C-alpha atoms as a PDB file:
ATOM      1  CA  UNK A   1    -157.145-215.061  87.310  1.00  0.00           C
ATOM      2  CA  UNK A   2    -155.693-212.541  84.891  1.00  0.00           C
ATOM      3  CA  UNK A   3    -155.358-214.023  81.394  1.00  0.00           C
ATOM      4  CA  UNK A   4    -152.471-213.425  79.066  1.00  0.00           C
ATOM      5  CA  UNK A   5    -153.397-211.963  75.662  1.00  0.00           C
ATOM      6  CA  UNK A   6    -153.215-214.273  72.656  1.00  0.00           C
ATOM      7  CA  UNK A   7    -149.937-214.040  70.714  1.00  0.00           C
ATOM      8  CA  UNK A   8    -151.324-212.375  67.571  1.00  0.00           C
ATOM      9  CA  UNK A   9    -153.080-209.096  68.502  1.00  0.00           C
ATOM     10  CA  UNK A  10    -156.266-208.095  66.691  1.00  0.00           C
ATOM     11  CA  UNK A  11    -157.770-204.641  66.538  1.00  0.00           C
ATOM     12  CA  UNK A  12    -161.396-204.252  67.592  1.00  0.00           C
ATOM     13  CA  UNK A  13    -163.509-202.081  65.314  1.00  0.00           C
ATOM     14  CA  UNK A  14    -165.837-199.364  66.574  1.00  0.00           C
ATOM     15  CA  UNK A  15    -169.094-200.911  67.721  1.00  0.00           C
ATOM     16  CA  UNK A  16    -167.961-204.472  67.030  1.00  0.00           C
ATOM     17  CA  UNK A  17    -169.518-207.146  69.223  1.00  0.00           C
ATOM     18  CA  UNK A  18    -167.785-209.864  71.198  1.00  0.00           C
ATOM     19  CA  UNK A  19    -169.057-212.649  68.910  1.00  0.00           C
ATOM     20  CA  UNK A  20    -167.603-211.041  65.797  1.00  0.00           C
ATOM     21  CA  UNK A  21    -164.341-210.105  67.499  1.00  0.00           C
ATOM     22  CA  UNK A  22    -163.792-213.496  69.135  1.00  0.00           C
ATOM     23  CA  UNK A  23    -164.029-215.235  65.763  1.00  0.00           C
ATOM     24  CA  UNK A  24    -161.541-212.835  64.153  1.00  0.00           C
ATOM     25  CA  UNK A  25    -159.109-212.965  67.080  1.00  0.00           C
ATOM     26  CA  UNK A  26    -159.244-216.749  67.197  1.00  0.00           C
ATOM     27  CA  UNK A  27    -158.763-217.049  63.427  1.00  0.00           C
ATOM     28  CA  UNK A  28    -155.663-214.842  63.503  1.00  0.00           C
ATOM     29  CA  UNK A  29    -154.303-217.152  66.172  1.00  0.00           C
ATOM     30  CA  UNK A  30    -155.087-220.249  64.053  1.00  0.00           C
ATOM     31  CA  UNK A  31    -157.891-221.475  66.265  1.00  0.00           C
ATOM     32  CA  UNK A  32    -161.654-221.373  66.871  1.00  0.00           C
ATOM     33  CA  UNK A  33    -163.415-219.481  69.688  1.00  0.00           C
ATOM     34  CA  UNK A  34    -164.930-222.722  70.971  1.00  0.00           C
ATOM     35  CA  UNK A  35    -161.545-224.433  71.180  1.00  0.00           C
ATOM     36  CA  UNK A  36    -160.045-221.527  73.104  1.00  0.00           C
ATOM     37  CA  UNK A  37    -162.968-221.445  75.540  1.00  0.00           C
ATOM     38  CA  UNK A  38    -162.759-225.203  76.136  1.00  0.00           C
ATOM     39  CA  UNK A  39    -159.099-224.805  76.988  1.00  0.00           C
ATOM     40  CA  UNK A  40    -159.885-221.993  79.414  1.00  0.00           C
ATOM     41  CA  UNK A  41    -162.534-224.046  81.189  1.00  0.00           C
ATOM     42  CA  UNK A  42    -160.088-226.927  81.555  1.00  0.00           C
ATOM     43  CA  UNK A  43    -157.748-224.463  83.286  1.00  0.00           C
ATOM     44  CA  UNK A  44    -160.499-223.568  85.733  1.00  0.00           C
ATOM     45  CA  UNK A  45    -161.579-220.282  84.193  1.00  0.00           C
ATOM     46  CA  UNK A  46    -165.255-219.613  84.822  1.00  0.00           C
ATOM     47  CA  UNK A  47    -166.834-218.983  81.442  1.00  0.00           C
ATOM     48  CA  UNK A  48    -170.527-218.854  80.638  1.00  0.00           C
ATOM     49  CA  UNK A  49    -171.801-220.434  77.446  1.00  0.00           C
ATOM     50  CA  UNK A  50    -174.104-217.467  76.860  1.00  0.00           C
ATOM     51  CA  UNK A  51    -172.807-215.496  73.854  1.00  0.00           C
ATOM     52  CA  UNK A  52    -172.849-212.089  75.532  1.00  0.00           C
ATOM     53  CA  UNK A  53    -172.490-212.964  79.214  1.00  0.00           C
ATOM     54  CA  UNK A  54    -170.480-210.397  81.184  1.00  0.00           C
ATOM     55  CA  UNK A  55    -167.814-212.915  82.223  1.00  0.00           C
ATOM     56  CA  UNK A  56    -167.375-214.109  78.631  1.00  0.00           C
ATOM     57  CA  UNK A  57    -166.992-210.533  77.424  1.00  0.00           C
ATOM     58  CA  UNK A  58    -164.367-209.890  80.081  1.00  0.00           C
ATOM     59  CA  UNK A  59    -162.413-213.005  79.049  1.00  0.00           C
ATOM     60  CA  UNK A  60    -162.226-211.919  75.408  1.00  0.00           C
ATOM     61  CA  UNK A  61    -161.242-208.407  76.434  1.00  0.00           C
ATOM     62  CA  UNK A  62    -158.285-209.921  78.263  1.00  0.00           C
ATOM     63  CA  UNK A  63    -157.421-212.284  75.408  1.00  0.00           C
ATOM     64  CA  UNK A  64    -157.388-209.344  73.000  1.00  0.00           C
ATOM     65  CA  UNK A  65    -155.727-206.955  75.473  1.00  0.00           C
ATOM     66  CA  UNK A  66    -158.586-204.500  74.894  1.00  0.00           C
ATOM     67  CA  UNK A  67    -159.721-201.411  76.744  1.00  0.00           C
ATOM     68  CA  UNK A  68    -162.529-201.947  79.303  1.00  0.00           C
ATOM     69  CA  UNK A  69    -164.843-199.891  77.085  1.00  0.00           C
ATOM     70  CA  UNK A  70    -164.845-202.614  74.405  1.00  0.00           C
ATOM     71  CA  UNK A  71    -168.182-204.394  73.926  1.00  0.00           C
ATOM     72  CA  UNK A  72    -170.101-201.936  76.117  1.00  0.00           C
ATOM     73  CA  UNK A  73    -172.589-200.668  73.521  1.00  0.00           C
ATOM     74  CA  UNK A  74    -176.032-200.890  75.200  1.00  0.00           C
ATOM     75  CA  UNK A  75    -178.363-203.683  74.142  1.00  0.00           C
ATOM     76  CA  UNK A  76    -181.436-201.429  74.333  1.00  0.00           C
ATOM     77  CA  UNK A  77    -182.062-197.699  74.002  1.00  0.00           C
ATOM     78  CA  UNK A  78    -185.396-196.147  74.999  1.00  0.00           C
ATOM     79  CA  UNK A  79    -187.106-199.522  74.812  1.00  0.00           C
ATOM     80  CA  UNK A  80    -185.770-200.503  71.359  1.00  0.00           C
ATOM     81  CA  UNK A  81    -183.219-203.265  70.843  1.00  0.00           C
ATOM     82  CA  UNK A  82    -179.877-202.196  69.368  1.00  0.00           C
ATOM     83  CA  UNK A  83    -179.460-204.619  66.472  1.00  0.00           C
ATOM     84  CA  UNK A  84    -176.192-206.194  65.365  1.00  0.00           C
ATOM     85  CA  UNK A  85    -175.380-205.474  61.724  1.00  0.00           C
ATOM     86  CA  UNK A  86    -172.526-205.592  59.238  1.00  0.00           C
ATOM     87  CA  UNK A  87    -169.970-202.829  59.648  1.00  0.00           C
ATOM     88  CA  UNK A  88    -168.563-200.754  56.806  1.00  0.00           C
ATOM     89  CA  UNK A  89    -165.996-202.852  54.943  1.00  0.00           C
ATOM     90  CA  UNK A  90    -163.819-199.799  54.426  1.00  0.00           C
ATOM     91  CA  UNK A  91    -163.760-199.178  58.191  1.00  0.00           C
ATOM     92  CA  UNK A  92    -162.752-202.817  58.748  1.00  0.00           C
ATOM     93  CA  UNK A  93    -160.155-202.935  55.948  1.00  0.00           C
ATOM     94  CA  UNK A  94    -162.274-205.479  54.112  1.00  0.00           C
ATOM     95  CA  UNK A  95    -162.652-207.827  57.093  1.00  0.00           C
ATOM     96  CA  UNK A  96    -166.283-208.896  57.621  1.00  0.00           C
ATOM     97  CA  UNK A  97    -167.365-207.747  61.076  1.00  0.00           C
ATOM     98  CA  UNK A  98    -170.655-207.316  62.930  1.00  0.00           C
ATOM     99  CA  UNK A  99    -171.521-204.844  65.649  1.00  0.00           C
ATOM    100  CA  UNK A 100    -173.903-202.266  67.080  1.00  0.00           C
ATOM    101  CA  UNK A 101    -173.882-198.683  65.834  1.00  0.00           C
ATOM    102  CA  UNK A 102    -176.712-196.822  67.587  1.00  0.00           C
ATOM    103  CA  UNK A 103    -175.279-193.459  66.496  1.00  0.00           C
ATOM    104  CA  UNK A 104    -175.319-194.305  62.771  1.00  0.00           C
ATOM    105  CA  UNK A 105    -178.030-194.800  60.215  1.00  0.00           C
ATOM    106  CA  UNK A 106    -177.561-196.669  56.962  1.00  0.00           C
ATOM    107  CA  UNK A 107    -174.594-194.704  55.626  1.00  0.00           C
ATOM    108  CA  UNK A 108    -170.934-194.627  56.647  1.00  0.00           C
ATOM    109  CA  UNK A 109    -170.139-190.933  56.379  1.00  0.00           C
ATOM    110  CA  UNK A 110    -166.429-191.490  56.791  1.00  0.00           C
ATOM    111  CA  UNK A 111    -166.216-193.530  53.588  1.00  0.00           C
ATOM    112  CA  UNK A 112    -169.466-192.334  51.967  1.00  0.00           C
ATOM    113  CA  UNK A 113    -170.834-195.841  51.575  1.00  0.00           C
ATOM    114  CA  UNK A 114    -174.268-197.385  51.857  1.00  0.00           C
ATOM    115  CA  UNK A 115    -174.132-200.040  54.586  1.00  0.00           C
ATOM    116  CA  UNK A 116    -177.854-200.758  54.759  1.00  0.00           C
ATOM    117  CA  UNK A 117    -177.599-203.848  52.579  1.00  0.00           C
ATOM    118  CA  UNK A 118    -175.168-205.985  50.636  1.00  0.00           C
ATOM    119  CA  UNK A 119    -173.324-205.143  48.494  1.00  0.00           C
ATOM    120  CA  UNK A 120    -172.196-201.912  50.132  1.00  0.00           C
ATOM    121  CA  UNK A 121    -172.481-199.097  47.589  1.00  0.00           C
ATOM    122  CA  UNK A 122    -170.389-195.969  47.023  1.00  0.00           C
ATOM    123  CA  UNK A 123    -172.554-192.858  47.528  1.00  0.00           C
ATOM    124  CA  UNK A 124    -170.112-190.145  46.474  1.00  0.00           C
ATOM    125  CA  UNK A 125    -172.285-189.320  43.466  1.00  0.00           C
ATOM    126  CA  UNK A 126    -175.466-189.077  45.578  1.00  0.00           C
ATOM    127  CA  UNK A 127    -175.061-186.202  48.005  1.00  0.00           C
ATOM    128  CA  UNK A 128    -178.750-186.347  49.004  1.00  0.00           C
ATOM    129  CA  UNK A 129    -178.162-189.648  50.801  1.00  0.00           C
ATOM    130  CA  UNK A 130    -175.139-188.240  52.635  1.00  0.00           C
ATOM    131  CA  UNK A 131    -177.169-185.213  53.725  1.00  0.00           C
ATOM    132  CA  UNK A 132    -179.956-187.508  54.880  1.00  0.00           C
ATOM    133  CA  UNK A 133    -177.496-189.454  57.027  1.00  0.00           C
ATOM    134  CA  UNK A 134    -176.262-186.252  58.657  1.00  0.00           C
ATOM    135  CA  UNK A 135    -179.865-185.322  59.423  1.00  0.00           C
ATOM    136  CA  UNK A 136    -180.491-188.793  60.809  1.00  0.00           C
ATOM    137  CA  UNK A 137    -177.550-188.546  63.193  1.00  0.00           C
ATOM    138  CA  UNK A 138    -178.268-185.019  64.392  1.00  0.00           C
ATOM    139  CA  UNK A 139    -182.073-185.197  64.626  1.00  0.00           C
ATOM    140  CA  UNK A 140    -182.937-188.879  65.106  1.00  0.00           C
ATOM    141  CA  UNK A 141    -180.005-190.836  66.531  1.00  0.00           C
ATOM    142  CA  UNK A 142    -179.423-188.016  69.016  1.00  0.00           C
ATOM    143  CA  UNK A 143    -182.890-188.769  70.431  1.00  0.00           C
ATOM    144  CA  UNK A 144    -182.457-192.534  70.483  1.00  0.00           C
ATOM    145  CA  UNK A 145    -184.137-193.364  67.165  1.00  0.00           C
ATOM    146  CA  UNK A 146    -182.343-196.456  65.880  1.00  0.00           C
ATOM    147  CA  UNK A 147    -181.766-197.302  62.226  1.00  0.00           C
ATOM    148  CA  UNK A 148    -184.322-200.151  62.350  1.00  0.00           C
ATOM    149  CA  UNK A 149    -186.766-198.615  64.834  1.00  0.00           C
ATOM    150  CA  UNK A 150    -190.462-198.448  64.011  1.00  0.00           C
ATOM    151  CA  UNK A 151    -190.173-194.836  62.826  1.00  0.00           C
ATOM    152  CA  UNK A 152    -187.392-195.723  60.380  1.00  0.00           C
ATOM    153  CA  UNK A 153    -189.124-198.890  59.198  1.00  0.00           C
ATOM    154  CA  UNK A 154    -192.381-197.035  58.575  1.00  0.00           C
ATOM    155  CA  UNK A 155    -190.372-194.293  56.915  1.00  0.00           C
ATOM    156  CA  UNK A 156    -188.885-196.866  54.560  1.00  0.00           C
ATOM    157  CA  UNK A 157    -192.335-198.269  53.764  1.00  0.00           C
ATOM    158  CA  UNK A 158    -193.592-194.774  52.992  1.00  0.00           C
ATOM    159  CA  UNK A 159    -190.542-194.030  50.827  1.00  0.00           C
ATOM    160  CA  UNK A 160    -191.566-196.749  48.404  1.00  0.00           C
ATOM    161  CA  UNK A 161    -190.271-196.213  44.885  1.00  0.00           C
ATOM    162  CA  UNK A 162    -193.823-196.526  43.534  1.00  0.00           C
ATOM    163  CA  UNK A 163    -195.073-193.819  45.864  1.00  0.00           C
ATOM    164  CA  UNK A 164    -192.206-191.531  44.921  1.00  0.00           C
ATOM    165  CA  UNK A 165    -192.661-192.248  41.244  1.00  0.00           C
ATOM    166  CA  UNK A 166    -190.873-194.680  38.951  1.00  0.00           C
ATOM    167  CA  UNK A 167    -189.731-191.888  36.656  1.00  0.00           C
ATOM    168  CA  UNK A 168    -188.123-190.023  39.539  1.00  0.00           C
ATOM    169  CA  UNK A 169    -186.344-193.174  40.723  1.00  0.00           C
ATOM    170  CA  UNK A 170    -185.074-193.799  37.198  1.00  0.00           C
ATOM    171  CA  UNK A 171    -183.776-190.240  37.027  1.00  0.00           C
ATOM    172  CA  UNK A 172    -181.828-190.761  40.256  1.00  0.00           C
ATOM    173  CA  UNK A 173    -180.475-194.083  39.036  1.00  0.00           C
ATOM    174  CA  UNK A 174    -179.186-192.609  35.784  1.00  0.00           C
ATOM    175  CA  UNK A 175    -177.696-189.587  37.535  1.00  0.00           C
ATOM    176  CA  UNK A 176    -175.832-191.591  40.186  1.00  0.00           C
ATOM    177  CA  UNK A 177    -175.315-195.040  38.595  1.00  0.00           C
ATOM    178  CA  UNK A 178    -176.669-196.503  41.842  1.00  0.00           C
ATOM    179  CA  UNK A 179    -178.930-199.540  41.482  1.00  0.00           C
ATOM    180  CA  UNK A 180    -179.780-200.028  45.172  1.00  0.00           C
ATOM    181  CA  UNK A 181    -183.320-198.679  45.534  1.00  0.00           C
ATOM    182  CA  UNK A 182    -183.106-198.437  49.334  1.00  0.00           C
ATOM    183  CA  UNK A 183    -180.193-196.030  48.994  1.00  0.00           C
ATOM    184  CA  UNK A 184    -181.987-193.958  46.348  1.00  0.00           C
ATOM    185  CA  UNK A 185    -185.045-193.426  48.580  1.00  0.00           C
ATOM    186  CA  UNK A 186    -183.065-192.901  51.799  1.00  0.00           C
ATOM    187  CA  UNK A 187    -183.604-189.099  51.815  1.00  0.00           C
ATOM    188  CA  UNK A 188    -187.380-189.600  51.914  1.00  0.00           C
ATOM    189  CA  UNK A 189    -187.069-192.372  54.498  1.00  0.00           C
ATOM    190  CA  UNK A 190    -185.246-190.065  56.903  1.00  0.00           C
ATOM    191  CA  UNK A 191    -187.703-187.222  56.256  1.00  0.00           C
ATOM    192  CA  UNK A 192    -190.639-189.472  57.087  1.00  0.00           C
ATOM    193  CA  UNK A 193    -188.908-190.742  60.235  1.00  0.00           C
ATOM    194  CA  UNK A 194    -188.283-187.162  61.336  1.00  0.00           C
ATOM    195  CA  UNK A 195    -191.936-186.315  60.718  1.00  0.00           C
ATOM    196  CA  UNK A 196    -193.117-189.374  62.648  1.00  0.00           C
ATOM    197  CA  UNK A 197    -191.000-188.422  65.667  1.00  0.00           C
ATOM    198  CA  UNK A 198    -191.811-184.711  65.598  1.00  0.00           C
ATOM    199  CA  UNK A 199    -193.447-183.660  68.853  1.00  0.00           C
ATOM    200  CA  UNK A 200    -195.738-181.079  67.249  1.00  0.00           C
ATOM    201  CA  UNK A 201    -196.847-183.509  64.530  1.00  0.00           C
ATOM    202  CA  UNK A 202    -197.488-186.398  66.916  1.00  0.00           C
ATOM    203  CA  UNK A 203    -199.240-184.194  69.452  1.00  0.00           C
ATOM    204  CA  UNK A 204    -201.668-183.003  66.784  1.00  0.00           C
ATOM    205  CA  UNK A 205    -202.427-186.180  64.820  1.00  0.00           C
ATOM    206  CA  UNK A 206    -202.845-188.389  67.920  1.00  0.00           C
ATOM    207  CA  UNK A 207    -204.923-185.936  69.960  1.00  0.00           C
ATOM    208  CA  UNK A 208    -208.266-187.707  70.579  1.00  0.00           C
ATOM    209  CA  UNK A 209    -209.907-184.338  71.275  1.00  0.00           C
ATOM    210  CA  UNK A 210    -209.417-183.192  67.671  1.00  0.00           C
ATOM    211  CA  UNK A 211    -211.688-184.081  64.793  1.00  0.00           C
ATOM    212  CA  UNK A 212    -210.503-187.056  62.772  1.00  0.00           C
ATOM    213  CA  UNK A 213    -210.805-185.093  59.514  1.00  0.00           C
ATOM    214  CA  UNK A 214    -208.526-182.360  60.852  1.00  0.00           C
ATOM    215  CA  UNK A 215    -205.898-184.836  61.995  1.00  0.00           C
ATOM    216  CA  UNK A 216    -205.994-186.686  58.695  1.00  0.00           C
ATOM    217  CA  UNK A 217    -205.693-183.412  56.781  1.00  0.00           C
ATOM    218  CA  UNK A 218    -202.586-182.548  58.807  1.00  0.00           C
ATOM    219  CA  UNK A 219    -201.012-185.863  57.813  1.00  0.00           C
ATOM    220  CA  UNK A 220    -201.743-185.202  54.144  1.00  0.00           C
ATOM    221  CA  UNK A 221    -200.322-181.704  54.439  1.00  0.00           C
ATOM    222  CA  UNK A 222    -197.042-182.918  55.946  1.00  0.00           C
ATOM    223  CA  UNK A 223    -196.696-185.760  53.470  1.00  0.00           C
ATOM    224  CA  UNK A 224    -196.984-183.458  50.467  1.00  0.00           C
ATOM    225  CA  UNK A 225    -193.966-181.553  51.809  1.00  0.00           C
ATOM    226  CA  UNK A 226    -191.957-184.753  51.406  1.00  0.00           C
ATOM    227  CA  UNK A 227    -193.677-186.262  48.360  1.00  0.00           C
ATOM    228  CA  UNK A 228    -194.842-183.459  46.063  1.00  0.00           C
ATOM    229  CA  UNK A 229    -197.938-184.412  44.119  1.00  0.00           C
ATOM    230  CA  UNK A 230    -196.881-185.155  40.568  1.00  0.00           C
ATOM    231  CA  UNK A 231    -198.525-187.330  37.949  1.00  0.00           C
ATOM    232  CA  UNK A 232    -196.663-190.546  38.758  1.00  0.00           C
ATOM    233  CA  UNK A 233    -196.600-190.295  42.559  1.00  0.00           C
ATOM    234  CA  UNK A 234    -199.052-192.033  44.877  1.00  0.00           C
ATOM    235  CA  UNK A 235    -198.695-190.055  48.071  1.00  0.00           C
ATOM    236  CA  UNK A 236    -202.271-190.855  49.063  1.00  0.00           C
ATOM    237  CA  UNK A 237    -201.143-194.392  49.894  1.00  0.00           C
ATOM    238  CA  UNK A 238    -198.655-192.959  52.386  1.00  0.00           C
ATOM    239  CA  UNK A 239    -201.458-191.013  54.037  1.00  0.00           C
ATOM    240  CA  UNK A 240    -203.349-194.271  54.564  1.00  0.00           C
ATOM    241  CA  UNK A 241    -200.364-195.952  56.233  1.00  0.00           C
ATOM    242  CA  UNK A 242    -199.601-193.107  58.595  1.00  0.00           C
ATOM    243  CA  UNK A 243    -203.264-192.477  59.357  1.00  0.00           C
ATOM    244  CA  UNK A 244    -203.647-196.050  60.560  1.00  0.00           C
ATOM    245  CA  UNK A 245    -200.777-195.569  63.024  1.00  0.00           C
ATOM    246  CA  UNK A 246    -202.078-192.169  64.158  1.00  0.00           C
ATOM    247  CA  UNK A 247    -205.571-193.585  64.681  1.00  0.00           C
ATOM    248  CA  UNK A 248    -204.292-196.359  66.925  1.00  0.00           C
ATOM    249  CA  UNK A 249    -202.058-194.024  68.905  1.00  0.00           C
ATOM    250  CA  UNK A 250    -205.019-191.693  69.424  1.00  0.00           C
ATOM    251  CA  UNK A 251    -206.925-194.689  70.767  1.00  0.00           C
ATOM    252  CA  UNK A 252    -204.141-195.323  73.290  1.00  0.00           C
ATOM    253  CA  UNK A 253    -204.208-191.690  74.398  1.00  0.00           C
ATOM    254  CA  UNK A 254    -207.985-191.719  74.721  1.00  0.00           C
ATOM    255  CA  UNK A 255    -207.981-194.873  76.854  1.00  0.00           C
ATOM    256  CA  UNK A 256    -205.178-193.470  78.980  1.00  0.00           C
ATOM    257  CA  UNK A 257    -207.258-190.371  79.683  1.00  0.00           C
ATOM    258  CA  UNK A 258    -210.339-192.440  80.484  1.00  0.00           C
ATOM    259  CA  UNK A 259    -208.533-194.753  82.916  1.00  0.00           C
ATOM    260  CA  UNK A 260    -205.959-192.343  84.311  1.00  0.00           C
ATOM    261  CA  UNK A 261    -203.080-194.671  83.496  1.00  0.00           C
ATOM    262  CA  UNK A 262    -199.712-194.388  81.731  1.00  0.00           C
ATOM    263  CA  UNK A 263    -199.837-194.785  77.963  1.00  0.00           C
ATOM    264  CA  UNK A 264    -198.811-198.260  76.890  1.00  0.00           C
ATOM    265  CA  UNK A 265    -197.221-197.644  73.482  1.00  0.00           C
ATOM    266  CA  UNK A 266    -195.193-200.850  73.544  1.00  0.00           C
ATOM    267  CA  UNK A 267    -195.196-201.485  69.794  1.00  0.00           C
ATOM    268  CA  UNK A 268    -194.853-198.160  68.004  1.00  0.00           C
ATOM    269  CA  UNK A 269    -192.815-196.502  70.779  1.00  0.00           C
ATOM    270  CA  UNK A 270    -193.651-193.086  69.327  1.00  0.00           C
ATOM    271  CA  UNK A 271    -195.691-191.407  72.021  1.00  0.00           C
ATOM    272  CA  UNK A 272    -192.548-190.978  74.115  1.00  0.00           C
ATOM    273  CA  UNK A 273    -191.670-188.107  71.786  1.00  0.00           C
ATOM    274  CA  UNK A 274    -194.601-186.029  73.044  1.00  0.00           C
ATOM    275  CA  UNK A 275    -193.563-186.433  76.667  1.00  0.00           C
ATOM    276  CA  UNK A 276    -196.332-188.784  77.756  1.00  0.00           C
ATOM    277  CA  UNK A 277    -195.432-191.308  80.469  1.00  0.00           C
ATOM    278  CA  UNK A 278    -194.977-194.827  79.107  1.00  0.00           C
ATOM    279  CA  UNK A 279    -193.692-197.130  81.816  1.00  0.00           C
ATOM    280  CA  UNK A 280    -193.474-200.117  79.469  1.00  0.00           C
ATOM    281  CA  UNK A 281    -190.092-198.853  78.248  1.00  0.00           C
ATOM    282  CA  UNK A 282    -188.527-199.415  81.656  1.00  0.00           C
ATOM    283  CA  UNK A 283    -190.969-202.073  82.901  1.00  0.00           C
ATOM    284  CA  UNK A 284    -191.815-199.973  85.960  1.00  0.00           C
ATOM    285  CA  UNK A 285    -195.398-201.107  86.398  1.00  0.00           C
ATOM    286  CA  UNK A 286    -194.692-202.010  90.020  1.00  0.00           C
ATOM    287  CA  UNK A 287    -194.404-198.288  90.731  1.00  0.00           C
ATOM    288  CA  UNK A 288    -198.147-198.128  90.144  1.00  0.00           C
ATOM    289  CA  UNK A 289    -198.932-201.385  91.896  1.00  0.00           C
ATOM    290  CA  UNK A 290    -200.367-202.852  88.687  1.00  0.00           C
ATOM    291  CA  UNK A 291    -199.364-205.245  85.931  1.00  0.00           C
ATOM    292  CA  UNK A 292    -199.280-204.641  82.154  1.00  0.00           C
ATOM    293  CA  UNK A 293    -202.056-207.161  81.552  1.00  0.00           C
ATOM    294  CA  UNK A 294    -204.453-204.758  83.292  1.00  0.00           C
ATOM    295  CA  UNK A 295    -204.265-202.577  80.201  1.00  0.00           C
ATOM    296  CA  UNK A 296    -204.298-205.211  77.495  1.00  0.00           C
ATOM    297  CA  UNK A 297    -207.184-203.428  75.790  1.00  0.00           C
ATOM    298  CA  UNK A 298    -204.907-200.466  75.245  1.00  0.00           C
ATOM    299  CA  UNK A 299    -202.403-202.460  73.178  1.00  0.00           C
ATOM    300  CA  UNK A 300    -201.924-201.735  69.499  1.00  0.00           C
ATOM    301  CA  UNK A 301    -203.636-204.988  68.504  1.00  0.00           C
ATOM    302  CA  UNK A 302    -207.070-203.761  69.588  1.00  0.00           C
ATOM    303  CA  UNK A 303    -209.359-203.294  66.603  1.00  0.00           C
ATOM    304  CA  UNK A 304    -211.407-200.122  66.529  1.00  0.00           C
ATOM    305  CA  UNK A 305    -213.209-199.146  63.356  1.00  0.00           C
ATOM    306  CA  UNK A 306    -214.357-195.783  64.647  1.00  0.00           C
ATOM    307  CA  UNK A 307    -212.426-192.656  63.639  1.00  0.00           C
ATOM    308  CA  UNK A 308    -210.695-191.412  66.785  1.00  0.00           C
END
């Protein structure tokens, strides 16, 4: 059954999800999504109660007279979930909307606004954040690194205002009149994420054949390129955080070599950047005739106090 569109048309925003759109479309037609769906079921239309079921998506496409490409943003990319988030209010003409934007970081470049938190902040006076977003899109998003992936989350933890230096953060605040700390440290966050997904960096610092002191020294060397050592900075704390991740990834690589199995980097999802096989991303363990539980010792939760 082909459904007729609702009387009042509603534009769908780029990346917007079916849940967000259905509420806006229904509201413009003086109704609620649930009421419309009940009416459709009473007319014999098959409609799943699951929020993102394929048949439900198709129904709302028809009700909104939308192109078949609407609501087709993938739910996962390279093993990471594509998270719903608030869209730029300038892009939506002030209408609150939620969707998936795997190609974008935490900045709307079109309107030069910080969309990583509420309230959304104007970044026109802070060109460093705009440059960081361009780098994110060209170097990270292009390789499937999502805005809330492990690399970006660790990057944000490393770009702590205390580590950077309170005086430096205050200088940025006074220069830009921006109070949102996350926006002020975004350039460092992206730099750390790029470092953490660099093939040459990961290959070196997770290589179990190299001495632990050499691998740790490489981490310190790369960190000082992002956080110069000045009196108020605490870059050594960043070294500790990244070293812990590198040590555990090296453990996974060592166990993979010992057992001749694919690397199971199911938590960090970083070793894929050095070209090592990790079948957990696609759940293809049956190709090897084995189950993931066989390699439970190789998971990131294993404690190992030895430097690897």
